[in-house]
Amino acid sequence: MTIEIIGPTARTAVKFGDQKINPRPLGSAEQDPAWTTGAVEAAGSEDLCFITLASPGTVREHLENCGVEVLDGPVTKLGALGEMVSHYCRDPDGNLIEIAVYP
């Protein structure tokens, strides 16, 4: 396990091999407005990222065909394995879901 510091507000992430967890500190939306995160700032709220082999265009098209509102994307972000292209949406509970593609 290694610790990674991210962004202008020095958020902490924890990496486990090819996986990364971004804990959401209370007040994070106010500290870093560029950080898209869960709708509810509470214990148990989630920000989940799923990796796919589909192209970013295919991800966007699939989400739109399913009637899912895309909050942001495609955008380039830094994942556990380096740069990736992500789309963000919410699940029915307001948790943030990121669907990412590594080049």
C-alpha atoms as a PDB file:
ATOM      1  CA  MET A   1       0.000   0.000   0.000  1.00  0.00           C
ATOM      2  CA  THR A   2       1.275   3.460  -0.875  1.00  0.00           C
ATOM      3  CA  ILE A   3      -0.074   6.946  -0.243  1.00  0.00           C
ATOM      4  CA  GLU A   4      -0.489   9.428  -3.092  1.00  0.00           C
ATOM      5  CA  ILE A   5      -1.177  13.160  -2.721  1.00  0.00           C
ATOM      6  CA  ILE A   6      -3.476  14.622  -5.423  1.00  0.00           C
ATOM      7  CA  GLY A   7      -4.529  18.057  -6.621  1.00  0.00           C
ATOM      8  CA  PRO A   8      -4.187  21.614  -5.365  1.00  0.00           C
ATOM      9  CA  THR A   9      -5.731  20.789  -1.981  1.00  0.00           C
ATOM     10  CA  ALA A  10      -3.402  17.812  -1.440  1.00  0.00           C
ATOM     11  CA  ARG A  11      -6.134  15.159  -1.181  1.00  0.00           C
ATOM     12  CA  THR A  12      -4.912  11.743  -0.081  1.00  0.00           C
ATOM     13  CA  ALA A  13      -5.340   8.549  -2.087  1.00  0.00           C
ATOM     14  CA  VAL A  14      -4.286   5.029  -1.150  1.00  0.00           C
ATOM     15  CA  LYS A  15      -2.953   2.698  -3.864  1.00  0.00           C
ATOM     16  CA  PHE A  16      -3.011  -1.097  -3.673  1.00  0.00           C
ATOM     17  CA  GLY A  17      -1.252  -2.469  -6.766  1.00  0.00           C
ATOM     18  CA  ASP A  18      -3.448  -1.544  -9.732  1.00  0.00           C
ATOM     19  CA  GLN A  19      -6.261  -0.174  -7.540  1.00  0.00           C
ATOM     20  CA  LYS A  20      -6.686   3.219  -5.903  1.00  0.00           C
ATOM     21  CA  ILE A  21      -9.069   4.497  -3.207  1.00  0.00           C
ATOM     22  CA  ASN A  22      -9.805   8.230  -2.916  1.00  0.00           C
ATOM     23  CA  PRO A  23     -11.235   8.822   0.576  1.00  0.00           C
ATOM     24  CA  ARG A  24     -13.700  11.707   0.595  1.00  0.00           C
ATOM     25  CA  PRO A  25     -12.938  14.104   3.453  1.00  0.00           C
ATOM     26  CA  LEU A  26     -15.781  16.166   4.902  1.00  0.00           C
ATOM     27  CA  GLY A  27     -15.907  19.608   3.296  1.00  0.00           C
ATOM     28  CA  SER A  28     -14.137  18.331   0.170  1.00  0.00           C
ATOM     29  CA  ALA A  29     -16.563  20.001  -2.257  1.00  0.00           C
ATOM     30  CA  GLU A  30     -15.813  23.394  -0.727  1.00  0.00           C
ATOM     31  CA  GLN A  31     -12.055  22.756  -0.576  1.00  0.00           C
ATOM     32  CA  ASP A  32     -11.748  21.630  -4.199  1.00  0.00           C
ATOM     33  CA  PRO A  33     -14.763  22.629  -6.337  1.00  0.00           C
ATOM     34  CA  ALA A  34     -13.183  20.943  -9.387  1.00  0.00           C
ATOM     35  CA  TRP A  35     -13.496  17.549  -7.677  1.00  0.00           C
ATOM     36  CA  THR A  36     -16.722  15.825  -8.686  1.00  0.00           C
ATOM     37  CA  THR A  37     -17.810  13.602  -5.814  1.00  0.00           C
ATOM     38  CA  GLY A  38     -20.846  11.899  -4.254  1.00  0.00           C
ATOM     39  CA  ALA A  39     -24.044  13.905  -3.833  1.00  0.00           C
ATOM     40  CA  VAL A  40     -24.214  13.257  -0.093  1.00  0.00           C
ATOM     41  CA  GLU A  41     -21.370  14.195   2.206  1.00  0.00           C
ATOM     42  CA  ALA A  42     -21.771  11.441   4.797  1.00  0.00           C
ATOM     43  CA  ALA A  43     -20.207   8.262   6.040  1.00  0.00           C
ATOM     44  CA  GLY A  44     -21.059   5.488   3.615  1.00  0.00           C
ATOM     45  CA  SER A  45     -21.295   7.688   0.540  1.00  0.00           C
ATOM     46  CA  GLU A  46     -19.274   6.315  -2.338  1.00  0.00           C
ATOM     47  CA  ASP A  47     -17.172   7.393  -5.299  1.00  0.00           C
ATOM     48  CA  LEU A  48     -16.643   4.275  -7.420  1.00  0.00           C
ATOM     49  CA  CYS A  49     -14.572   3.868 -10.558  1.00  0.00           C
ATOM     50  CA  PHE A  50     -15.004   1.044 -13.042  1.00  0.00           C
ATOM     51  CA  ILE A  51     -12.419   0.362 -15.750  1.00  0.00           C
ATOM     52  CA  THR A  52     -13.585  -0.782 -19.184  1.00  0.00           C
ATOM     53  CA  LEU A  53     -11.909  -1.794 -22.420  1.00  0.00           C
ATOM     54  CA  ALA A  54     -14.612   0.007 -24.434  1.00  0.00           C
ATOM     55  CA  SER A  55     -13.699   3.274 -26.141  1.00  0.00           C
ATOM     56  CA  PRO A  56     -14.677   6.558 -24.462  1.00  0.00           C
ATOM     57  CA  GLY A  57     -17.151   7.173 -27.309  1.00  0.00           C
ATOM     58  CA  THR A  58     -18.784   3.798 -26.739  1.00  0.00           C
ATOM     59  CA  VAL A  59     -19.069   4.510 -22.998  1.00  0.00           C
ATOM     60  CA  ARG A  60     -20.770   7.854 -23.646  1.00  0.00           C
ATOM     61  CA  GLU A  61     -23.117   6.369 -26.237  1.00  0.00           C
ATOM     62  CA  HIS A  62     -24.101   3.494 -23.924  1.00  0.00           C
ATOM     63  CA  LEU A  63     -24.838   5.815 -20.994  1.00  0.00           C
ATOM     64  CA  GLU A  64     -26.952   8.116 -23.180  1.00  0.00           C
ATOM     65  CA  ASN A  65     -28.831   5.158 -24.727  1.00  0.00           C
ATOM     66  CA  CYS A  66     -29.660   3.965 -21.198  1.00  0.00           C
ATOM     67  CA  GLY A  67     -30.964   7.416 -20.222  1.00  0.00           C
ATOM     68  CA  VAL A  68     -28.144   8.039 -17.758  1.00  0.00           C
ATOM     69  CA  GLU A  69     -27.219  11.700 -17.224  1.00  0.00           C
ATOM     70  CA  VAL A  70     -23.501  12.224 -17.819  1.00  0.00           C
ATOM     71  CA  LEU A  71     -22.265  14.778 -15.267  1.00  0.00           C
ATOM     72  CA  ASP A  72     -18.824  15.179 -16.805  1.00  0.00           C
ATOM     73  CA  GLY A  73     -16.819  13.574 -19.558  1.00  0.00           C
ATOM     74  CA  PRO A  74     -14.992  12.625 -21.441  1.00  0.00           C
ATOM     75  CA  VAL A  75     -12.244  14.087 -19.255  1.00  0.00           C
ATOM     76  CA  THR A  76      -8.648  13.014 -18.705  1.00  0.00           C
ATOM     77  CA  LYS A  77      -7.929  12.033 -15.107  1.00  0.00           C
ATOM     78  CA  LEU A  78      -5.103  10.343 -13.222  1.00  0.00           C
ATOM     79  CA  GLY A  79      -5.901   6.779 -12.151  1.00  0.00           C
ATOM     80  CA  ALA A  80      -3.918   4.081 -10.391  1.00  0.00           C
ATOM     81  CA  LEU A  81      -2.189   3.179 -13.684  1.00  0.00           C
ATOM     82  CA  GLY A  82      -1.723   6.708 -15.043  1.00  0.00           C
ATOM     83  CA  GLU A  83      -3.837   8.878 -17.330  1.00  0.00           C
ATOM     84  CA  MET A  84      -7.310   7.634 -18.245  1.00  0.00           C
ATOM     85  CA  VAL A  85     -10.393   9.042 -19.952  1.00  0.00           C
ATOM     86  CA  SER A  86     -13.440   9.133 -17.670  1.00  0.00           C
ATOM     87  CA  HIS A  87     -17.183   9.737 -17.739  1.00  0.00           C
ATOM     88  CA  TYR A  88     -19.061  10.519 -14.517  1.00  0.00           C
ATOM     89  CA  CYS A  89     -22.668   9.784 -13.583  1.00  0.00           C
ATOM     90  CA  ARG A  90     -24.641   8.953 -10.414  1.00  0.00           C
ATOM     91  CA  ASP A  91     -26.330   5.794  -9.225  1.00  0.00           C
ATOM     92  CA  PRO A  92     -29.907   5.988  -7.855  1.00  0.00           C
ATOM     93  CA  ASP A  93     -28.544   6.750  -4.344  1.00  0.00           C
ATOM     94  CA  GLY A  94     -26.485   9.733  -5.545  1.00  0.00           C
ATOM     95  CA  ASN A  95     -23.127   7.956  -5.333  1.00  0.00           C
ATOM     96  CA  LEU A  96     -20.626   9.052  -7.949  1.00  0.00           C
ATOM     97  CA  ILE A  97     -19.829   6.450 -10.618  1.00  0.00           C
ATOM     98  CA  GLU A  98     -16.778   6.914 -12.838  1.00  0.00           C
ATOM     99  CA  ILE A  99     -16.355   4.770 -15.941  1.00  0.00           C
ATOM    100  CA  ALA A 100     -12.775   4.995 -17.143  1.00  0.00           C
ATOM    101  CA  VAL A 101     -10.705   3.839 -20.114  1.00  0.00           C
ATOM    102  CA  TYR A 102      -6.916   3.570 -20.072  1.00  0.00           C
ATOM    103  CA  PRO A 103      -5.279   4.311 -23.462  1.00  0.00           C
END
